[in-house]
């Protein structure tokens, strides 16, 4: 919590030296600093992490309730609605409700059945279709088809009606101008859509993460699995997982079908909501200078989290922590005897975990002209650690 106080007061210092007069009294500055209470910050983070918001998945009714709560708090402190008299910027945000953890069962070529354990072995897919599939598996590397780059993981294998095992990322590792051409192929949505295009009916995505930044595809059922599970599945057919991954980084495209007796069953219990909306929460403290108030300093943090995947993901660190800091600053500035000359816009951003939806929407629909935006501070995952990193 000391770190959170440091972050909040550091933001205030920025305003002191960039938006306030230089000759203000030190006592007033310190009084403003000390008005930020660690108890207030913890209470905000605790509220947003509570079960009633179900992990604040962007687009869900629970996320919208969390957004309304934040707006209500800021309004009670004297912050003004920042979007043309409204607290909210609404945008389209489809989401999927995940009702249970689902199930993943692996059958090796000797007939031994292993039910994977949540969360160490597998995580349910945040945008999986609902249902149950079983089938043979194909190891598909990165799942990329890029003829213009001379690369195709699907070149020598047939995945029609199969369940693919796929890695995140791309094979190109150099940080140079060529990497830009590879970047679109790193996106989860591309990989999922390409798998369906190639005829796959399901997916085991390597890496146990809760991730709503994926595609919902009709009848396409998937789950995330750990590297340990992937290593075991490959070892059962005599493949060394480390060596296979090394070949991937060398762009050798080591895709292959597994033993036909090896099978996996994936169960998912979900419902997709394609017409839902989410929002940014926008609050404003207008500048005191008649000229400089037309310029704005933005302080932002994403409000949304991972949601509920058969178990609550409260998203306390990512990112109730950043939201709590920002709201602490908002409260302190409204109560401060020292007022900023420039306007200060507080944005609690929606749709970050889904693919930066809220950020993109604000950039296309700014409250202040982009040319009048002096600076932005964005806080993400600031609730742990022992240092302050920028």
Protein backbone atom coordinates (compact mmCIF):
# COMPACT_ATOMS: atom_id res chain seq x y z
CA UNK A 1 0.00 0.00 0.00
CA UNK A 2 2.97 2.33 0.53
CA UNK A 3 3.75 1.83 -3.15
CA UNK A 4 0.21 2.85 -4.07
CA UNK A 5 0.53 6.03 -1.99
CA UNK A 6 3.84 6.74 -3.77
CA UNK A 7 2.23 6.31 -7.18
CA UNK A 8 -0.74 8.51 -6.32
CA UNK A 9 1.38 11.27 -4.86
CA UNK A 10 3.81 11.06 -7.80
CA UNK A 11 0.89 11.80 -10.12
CA UNK A 12 -0.01 14.78 -7.97
CA UNK A 13 3.58 15.98 -8.15
CA UNK A 14 3.29 15.92 -11.91
CA UNK A 15 0.31 18.26 -11.72
CA UNK A 16 2.18 20.54 -9.33
CA UNK A 17 5.05 21.04 -11.73
CA UNK A 18 3.12 20.92 -15.02
CA UNK A 19 -0.33 22.30 -14.32
CA UNK A 20 0.05 24.48 -11.23
CA UNK A 21 1.73 27.78 -10.51
CA UNK A 22 5.34 27.38 -9.40
CA UNK A 23 5.11 29.54 -6.28
CA UNK A 24 2.36 27.73 -4.41
CA UNK A 25 2.89 27.04 -0.75
CA UNK A 26 4.50 23.79 0.25
CA UNK A 27 1.99 23.34 3.08
CA UNK A 28 -0.92 23.23 0.64
CA UNK A 29 0.84 20.69 -1.54
CA UNK A 30 1.57 18.44 1.43
CA UNK A 31 -1.99 18.79 2.66
CA UNK A 32 -3.21 17.53 -0.70
CA UNK A 33 -0.74 14.64 -0.62
CA UNK A 34 -1.79 13.59 2.84
CA UNK A 35 -5.46 13.62 1.90
CA UNK A 36 -4.83 10.37 -0.04
CA UNK A 37 -5.54 7.58 2.40
CA UNK A 38 -4.23 4.06 2.03
CA UNK A 39 -7.52 2.89 3.52
CA UNK A 40 -9.48 4.68 0.77
CA UNK A 41 -7.33 3.11 -1.96
CA UNK A 42 -7.64 -0.36 -0.46
CA UNK A 43 -11.41 0.04 -0.09
CA UNK A 44 -11.76 1.00 -3.77
CA UNK A 45 -9.69 -1.98 -4.90
CA UNK A 46 -11.64 -4.26 -2.57
CA UNK A 47 -14.99 -3.02 -3.89
CA UNK A 48 -14.02 -3.50 -7.52
CA UNK A 49 -12.63 -6.98 -6.79
CA UNK A 50 -15.80 -8.12 -5.05
CA UNK A 51 -17.82 -11.05 -6.33
CA UNK A 52 -20.82 -8.97 -7.39
CA UNK A 53 -18.84 -7.58 -10.34
CA UNK A 54 -17.75 -11.08 -11.48
CA UNK A 55 -14.27 -9.95 -12.53
CA UNK A 56 -15.51 -6.92 -14.51
CA UNK A 57 -15.49 -8.56 -17.93
CA UNK A 58 -15.94 -5.76 -20.46
CA UNK A 59 -19.36 -5.86 -22.11
CA UNK A 60 -21.00 -7.72 -19.24
CA UNK A 61 -23.75 -6.25 -17.03
CA UNK A 62 -21.39 -6.59 -14.05
CA UNK A 63 -18.75 -4.44 -15.76
CA UNK A 64 -21.34 -1.74 -16.41
CA UNK A 65 -22.33 -1.82 -12.75
CA UNK A 66 -18.69 -1.34 -11.73
CA UNK A 67 -18.45 1.59 -14.16
CA UNK A 68 -21.54 3.20 -12.61
CA UNK A 69 -20.11 2.73 -9.12
CA UNK A 70 -16.88 4.49 -10.09
CA UNK A 71 -18.77 7.37 -11.71
CA UNK A 72 -20.93 7.70 -8.61
CA UNK A 73 -17.89 7.91 -6.36
CA UNK A 74 -16.22 10.59 -8.47
CA UNK A 75 -19.45 12.57 -8.69
CA UNK A 76 -19.78 12.51 -4.89
CA UNK A 77 -16.30 14.06 -4.62
CA UNK A 78 -17.09 16.88 -7.04
CA UNK A 79 -15.53 15.53 -10.24
CA UNK A 80 -17.66 16.51 -13.25
CA UNK A 81 -18.82 14.16 -16.01
CA UNK A 82 -16.29 14.49 -18.80
CA UNK A 83 -18.07 13.40 -21.96
CA UNK A 84 -20.47 16.20 -22.87
CA UNK A 85 -22.31 16.01 -19.53
CA UNK A 86 -22.16 12.23 -19.53
CA UNK A 87 -19.90 10.00 -17.47
CA UNK A 88 -19.78 7.34 -20.14
CA UNK A 89 -18.46 6.68 -23.64
CA UNK A 90 -20.26 3.61 -24.97
CA UNK A 91 -18.87 1.31 -27.65
CA UNK A 92 -19.65 -2.14 -29.07
CA UNK A 93 -18.10 -4.96 -27.07
CA UNK A 94 -19.23 -8.54 -27.63
CA UNK A 95 -18.40 -10.93 -24.80
CA UNK A 96 -18.93 -14.53 -23.75
CA UNK A 97 -20.30 -15.72 -20.42
CA UNK A 98 -18.40 -18.73 -19.10
CA UNK A 99 -20.63 -20.68 -16.71
CA UNK A 100 -18.31 -23.47 -15.60
CA UNK A 101 -14.65 -24.42 -15.77
CA UNK A 102 -15.50 -27.04 -18.35
CA UNK A 103 -13.31 -30.10 -18.75
CA UNK A 104 -10.31 -31.34 -20.72
CA UNK A 105 -9.57 -35.08 -20.80
CA UNK A 106 -6.50 -36.53 -22.56
CA UNK A 107 -6.38 -40.13 -23.79
CA UNK A 108 -2.90 -41.41 -24.68
CA UNK A 109 -2.14 -44.06 -27.31
CA UNK A 110 -2.19 -46.78 -24.65
CA UNK A 111 -5.70 -45.99 -23.55
CA UNK A 112 -4.73 -44.18 -20.34
CA UNK A 113 -7.15 -41.35 -19.56
CA UNK A 114 -6.07 -38.20 -17.71
CA UNK A 115 -8.44 -35.43 -16.67
CA UNK A 116 -6.56 -32.13 -16.64
CA UNK A 117 -6.79 -30.02 -13.48
CA UNK A 118 -7.85 -26.38 -13.34
CA UNK A 119 -5.95 -24.04 -13.16
CA UNK A 120 -2.49 -25.68 -13.28
CA UNK A 121 -3.11 -27.90 -16.33
CA UNK A 122 -5.78 -25.96 -18.20
CA UNK A 123 -7.95 -22.87 -18.32
CA UNK A 124 -11.31 -22.61 -20.09
CA UNK A 125 -11.46 -20.54 -23.24
CA UNK A 126 -12.96 -17.11 -22.57
CA UNK A 127 -14.64 -17.09 -26.00
CA UNK A 128 -15.09 -20.80 -26.63
CA UNK A 129 -18.29 -22.00 -28.21
CA UNK A 130 -20.43 -24.14 -25.93
CA UNK A 131 -20.48 -27.90 -26.25
CA UNK A 132 -18.29 -30.99 -26.26
CA UNK A 133 -15.84 -32.24 -28.86
CA UNK A 134 -13.48 -35.21 -29.05
CA UNK A 135 -10.90 -36.05 -31.64
CA UNK A 136 -7.39 -36.67 -32.84
CA UNK A 137 -4.75 -34.01 -32.44
CA UNK A 138 -2.26 -32.24 -34.69
CA UNK A 139 0.64 -30.18 -33.37
CA UNK A 140 0.45 -26.99 -35.40
CA UNK A 141 3.37 -24.84 -34.21
CA UNK A 142 2.37 -21.18 -34.42
CA UNK A 143 -0.64 -21.84 -36.65
CA UNK A 144 0.47 -19.27 -39.23
CA UNK A 145 -0.13 -19.21 -42.98
CA UNK A 146 1.91 -16.37 -44.51
CA UNK A 147 2.79 -17.14 -48.15
CA UNK A 148 4.27 -13.68 -48.72
CA UNK A 149 6.77 -14.49 -45.97
CA UNK A 150 7.42 -18.00 -47.25
CA UNK A 151 5.91 -19.56 -44.15
CA UNK A 152 3.01 -22.00 -43.62
CA UNK A 153 2.62 -24.19 -40.53
CA UNK A 154 -0.24 -26.02 -42.27
CA UNK A 155 1.76 -26.88 -45.40
CA UNK A 156 2.31 -30.59 -44.80
CA UNK A 157 -0.54 -31.54 -42.46
CA UNK A 158 -4.29 -32.02 -42.73
CA UNK A 159 -6.23 -30.63 -39.76
CA UNK A 160 -9.75 -31.11 -41.10
CA UNK A 161 -11.93 -32.40 -38.30
CA UNK A 162 -8.96 -32.46 -35.90
CA UNK A 163 -8.09 -30.59 -32.71
CA UNK A 164 -4.93 -28.52 -33.10
CA UNK A 165 -2.29 -27.81 -30.47
CA UNK A 166 -0.95 -24.33 -31.08
CA UNK A 167 1.68 -21.97 -29.64
CA UNK A 168 1.30 -18.25 -29.07
CA UNK A 169 3.69 -15.84 -30.75
CA UNK A 170 5.57 -15.81 -34.05
CA UNK A 171 8.77 -17.51 -35.29
CA UNK A 172 10.55 -14.27 -36.15
CA UNK A 173 12.44 -13.00 -33.10
CA UNK A 174 14.63 -10.16 -34.40
CA UNK A 175 13.61 -6.67 -33.34
CA UNK A 176 13.97 -5.00 -36.72
CA UNK A 177 11.88 -3.58 -39.56
CA UNK A 178 10.99 -7.06 -40.84
CA UNK A 179 9.15 -7.89 -37.62
CA UNK A 180 6.38 -5.47 -38.59
CA UNK A 181 5.35 -7.83 -41.39
CA UNK A 182 5.01 -10.66 -38.88
CA UNK A 183 3.05 -8.77 -36.23
CA UNK A 184 -0.48 -9.38 -37.62
CA UNK A 185 0.21 -13.12 -37.47
CA UNK A 186 0.86 -12.95 -33.73
CA UNK A 187 -2.73 -11.98 -32.92
CA UNK A 188 -4.79 -14.64 -31.19
CA UNK A 189 -7.81 -13.81 -33.34
CA UNK A 190 -5.88 -14.41 -36.53
CA UNK A 191 -4.62 -17.78 -35.29
CA UNK A 192 -8.11 -18.92 -34.27
CA UNK A 193 -9.72 -17.81 -37.52
CA UNK A 194 -6.97 -19.44 -39.57
CA UNK A 195 -7.43 -22.72 -37.70
CA UNK A 196 -11.14 -22.72 -38.56
CA UNK A 197 -10.36 -21.78 -42.17
CA UNK A 198 -8.05 -24.80 -42.37
CA UNK A 199 -10.84 -27.05 -41.08
CA UNK A 200 -9.91 -27.59 -37.43
CA UNK A 201 -12.83 -28.21 -35.08
CA UNK A 202 -11.09 -27.32 -31.82
CA UNK A 203 -7.94 -25.99 -30.21
CA UNK A 204 -5.59 -26.53 -27.29
CA UNK A 205 -3.75 -23.21 -26.94
CA UNK A 206 -0.48 -23.52 -25.07
CA UNK A 207 -0.23 -21.19 -22.06
CA UNK A 208 -2.54 -21.20 -19.04
CA UNK A 209 -3.96 -17.69 -19.15
CA UNK A 210 -7.42 -16.17 -18.79
CA UNK A 211 -7.72 -14.20 -22.00
CA UNK A 212 -10.85 -12.58 -23.50
CA UNK A 213 -8.76 -11.19 -26.41
CA UNK A 214 -9.71 -14.11 -28.66
CA UNK A 215 -12.30 -14.80 -31.34
CA UNK A 216 -15.68 -16.35 -30.74
CA UNK A 217 -16.22 -18.71 -33.67
CA UNK A 218 -19.40 -20.73 -34.13
CA UNK A 219 -18.98 -24.35 -32.96
CA UNK A 220 -15.24 -23.86 -32.33
CA UNK A 221 -14.39 -25.16 -28.87
CA UNK A 222 -11.05 -24.50 -27.24
CA UNK A 223 -9.13 -24.41 -23.97
CA UNK A 224 -5.73 -23.24 -22.79
CA UNK A 225 -3.23 -25.87 -21.62
CA UNK A 226 0.07 -25.63 -19.76
CA UNK A 227 3.44 -26.24 -21.41
CA UNK A 228 3.82 -29.21 -19.10
CA UNK A 229 0.73 -30.82 -20.63
CA UNK A 230 1.92 -30.06 -24.17
CA UNK A 231 5.29 -31.56 -23.30
CA UNK A 232 3.64 -34.78 -22.08
CA UNK A 233 1.40 -35.14 -25.13
CA UNK A 234 4.40 -34.80 -27.44
CA UNK A 235 6.58 -37.06 -25.30
CA UNK A 236 3.98 -39.81 -25.64
CA UNK A 237 4.83 -39.99 -29.36
CA UNK A 238 8.57 -39.68 -28.84
CA UNK A 239 8.87 -35.95 -29.47
CA UNK A 240 11.07 -33.68 -27.36
CA UNK A 241 9.06 -30.52 -26.70
CA UNK A 242 12.14 -28.34 -26.16
CA UNK A 243 13.62 -29.47 -29.47
CA UNK A 244 10.33 -28.86 -31.28
CA UNK A 245 10.14 -25.32 -29.89
CA UNK A 246 13.73 -24.71 -30.94
CA UNK A 247 12.81 -25.77 -34.47
CA UNK A 248 9.92 -23.30 -34.34
CA UNK A 249 12.27 -20.41 -33.58
CA UNK A 250 14.47 -21.57 -36.46
CA UNK A 251 11.41 -21.33 -38.76
CA UNK A 252 11.50 -25.04 -39.63
CA UNK A 253 7.71 -25.40 -39.27
CA UNK A 254 7.74 -28.73 -37.36
CA UNK A 255 3.99 -29.42 -37.62
CA UNK A 256 2.87 -33.06 -37.39
CA UNK A 257 -0.11 -35.27 -36.68
CA UNK A 258 -0.05 -37.18 -33.40
CA UNK A 259 -0.75 -40.88 -33.00
CA UNK A 260 -4.31 -41.59 -34.18
CA UNK A 261 -4.97 -43.33 -30.84
CA UNK A 262 -4.18 -40.12 -28.94
CA UNK A 263 -7.35 -38.14 -28.41
CA UNK A 264 -8.59 -35.23 -26.38
CA UNK A 265 -12.06 -34.24 -25.22
CA UNK A 266 -12.88 -30.59 -24.52
CA UNK A 267 -16.10 -29.49 -22.82
CA UNK A 268 -17.23 -25.87 -22.52
CA UNK A 269 -20.36 -24.32 -21.04
CA UNK A 270 -20.68 -20.79 -22.41
CA UNK A 271 -22.99 -18.28 -24.06
CA UNK A 272 -21.96 -15.55 -26.48
CA UNK A 273 -23.47 -12.05 -26.46
CA UNK A 274 -22.61 -10.42 -29.80
CA UNK A 275 -24.71 -7.25 -29.39
CA UNK A 276 -23.44 -6.05 -26.00
CA UNK A 277 -21.80 -2.73 -25.25
CA UNK A 278 -19.16 -1.52 -22.83
CA UNK A 279 -17.97 1.94 -21.86
CA UNK A 280 -15.19 4.20 -20.73
CA UNK A 281 -15.83 6.22 -17.58
CA UNK A 282 -14.77 9.84 -18.12
CA UNK A 283 -14.46 12.41 -15.34
CA UNK A 284 -13.23 16.00 -15.58
CA UNK A 285 -11.67 18.59 -13.31
CA UNK A 286 -11.71 21.79 -15.32
CA UNK A 287 -8.58 23.92 -15.31
CA UNK A 288 -8.55 27.23 -13.46
CA UNK A 289 -6.70 29.23 -16.11
CA UNK A 290 -9.03 30.71 -18.79
CA UNK A 291 -6.54 29.88 -21.55
CA UNK A 292 -4.72 26.78 -20.29
CA UNK A 293 -7.95 25.02 -19.32
CA UNK A 294 -8.42 24.28 -23.02
CA UNK A 295 -5.44 21.92 -22.69
CA UNK A 296 -5.77 18.61 -20.89
CA UNK A 297 -3.71 16.11 -18.94
CA UNK A 298 -5.22 12.62 -19.10
CA UNK A 299 -4.88 10.06 -16.33
CA UNK A 300 -6.09 6.61 -17.33
CA UNK A 301 -6.32 2.99 -16.21
CA UNK A 302 -8.30 0.11 -17.61
CA UNK A 303 -11.28 -0.83 -15.47
CA UNK A 304 -12.10 -4.18 -17.04
CA UNK A 305 -10.72 -7.53 -15.92
CA UNK A 306 -10.72 -11.20 -16.89
CA UNK A 307 -14.24 -11.97 -15.72
CA UNK A 308 -15.58 -15.28 -14.45
CA UNK A 309 -14.38 -18.59 -15.90
CA UNK A 310 -16.20 -21.05 -13.72
CA UNK A 311 -14.39 -19.32 -10.88
CA UNK A 312 -14.04 -15.65 -10.01
CA UNK A 313 -11.03 -13.83 -11.43
CA UNK A 314 -11.27 -10.69 -9.28
CA UNK A 315 -8.65 -8.77 -11.30
CA UNK A 316 -7.40 -6.96 -8.22
CA UNK A 317 -3.88 -6.36 -9.48
CA UNK A 318 -4.89 -6.17 -13.14
CA UNK A 319 -6.26 -3.57 -12.82
CA UNK A 320 -8.28 -2.53 -9.77
CA UNK A 321 -4.92 -1.35 -8.43
CA UNK A 322 -4.47 1.27 -11.16
CA UNK A 323 -8.10 2.39 -10.93
CA UNK A 324 -7.81 2.84 -7.16
CA UNK A 325 -4.78 5.09 -7.58
CA UNK A 326 -6.50 7.25 -10.16
CA UNK A 327 -9.65 7.60 -8.09
CA UNK A 328 -7.51 8.52 -5.08
CA UNK A 329 -5.92 11.31 -7.10
CA UNK A 330 -9.32 12.48 -8.37
CA UNK A 331 -10.64 12.76 -4.83
CA UNK A 332 -7.53 14.56 -3.61
CA UNK A 333 -7.59 17.12 -6.43
CA UNK A 334 -11.25 18.00 -5.85
CA UNK A 335 -10.46 18.70 -2.20
CA UNK A 336 -7.18 20.50 -2.83
CA UNK A 337 -6.74 24.21 -2.15
CA UNK A 338 -4.38 24.23 -5.12
CA UNK A 339 -6.21 23.93 -8.43
CA UNK A 340 -4.66 22.84 -11.73
CA UNK A 341 -4.42 25.46 -14.47
CA UNK A 342 -4.91 22.84 -17.17
CA UNK A 343 -7.92 20.55 -17.21
CA UNK A 344 -7.47 17.02 -15.92
CA UNK A 345 -9.39 14.16 -17.52
CA UNK A 346 -9.74 10.87 -15.65
CA UNK A 347 -10.51 7.91 -17.93
CA UNK A 348 -11.33 4.45 -16.64
CA UNK A 349 -10.98 2.44 -19.82
CA UNK A 350 -13.15 -0.48 -20.91
CA UNK A 351 -12.33 -3.30 -23.28
CA UNK A 352 -8.59 -3.31 -22.66
CA UNK A 353 -8.37 -7.05 -22.07
CA UNK A 354 -10.54 -7.68 -25.15
CA UNK A 355 -8.19 -5.78 -27.47
CA UNK A 356 -7.86 -2.11 -26.45
CA UNK A 357 -11.44 -1.34 -27.50
CA UNK A 358 -11.94 1.59 -25.14
CA UNK A 359 -8.57 3.15 -25.90
CA UNK A 360 -9.23 2.99 -29.63
CA UNK A 361 -12.69 4.45 -29.16
CA UNK A 362 -11.36 7.40 -27.17
CA UNK A 363 -8.58 8.03 -29.70
CA UNK A 364 -11.25 8.22 -32.42
CA UNK A 365 -13.65 10.24 -30.26
CA UNK A 366 -11.51 12.43 -27.98
CA UNK A 367 -13.19 14.73 -25.47
CA UNK A 368 -10.41 17.29 -26.00
CA UNK A 369 -8.72 17.69 -29.39
CA UNK A 370 -5.62 15.51 -29.64
CA UNK A 371 -3.58 18.65 -30.31
CA UNK A 372 -4.68 20.00 -26.93
CA UNK A 373 -3.74 16.82 -25.08
CA UNK A 374 -0.50 17.65 -23.31
CA UNK A 375 0.26 14.33 -21.67
CA UNK A 376 -1.23 11.02 -20.60
CA UNK A 377 -0.36 8.85 -17.61
CA UNK A 378 -1.60 5.25 -17.80
CA UNK A 379 -1.48 2.97 -14.76
CA UNK A 380 -1.63 -0.80 -15.06
CA UNK A 381 -0.87 -3.47 -12.47
CA UNK A 382 0.61 -1.16 -9.85
CA UNK A 383 -0.56 -3.10 -6.81
CA UNK A 384 2.56 -5.14 -6.07
CA UNK A 385 6.34 -5.05 -6.17
CA UNK A 386 8.89 -3.05 -4.24
CA UNK A 387 9.72 -0.27 -6.70
CA UNK A 388 8.26 2.40 -8.92
CA UNK A 389 8.92 1.78 -12.59
CA UNK A 390 8.10 4.09 -15.52
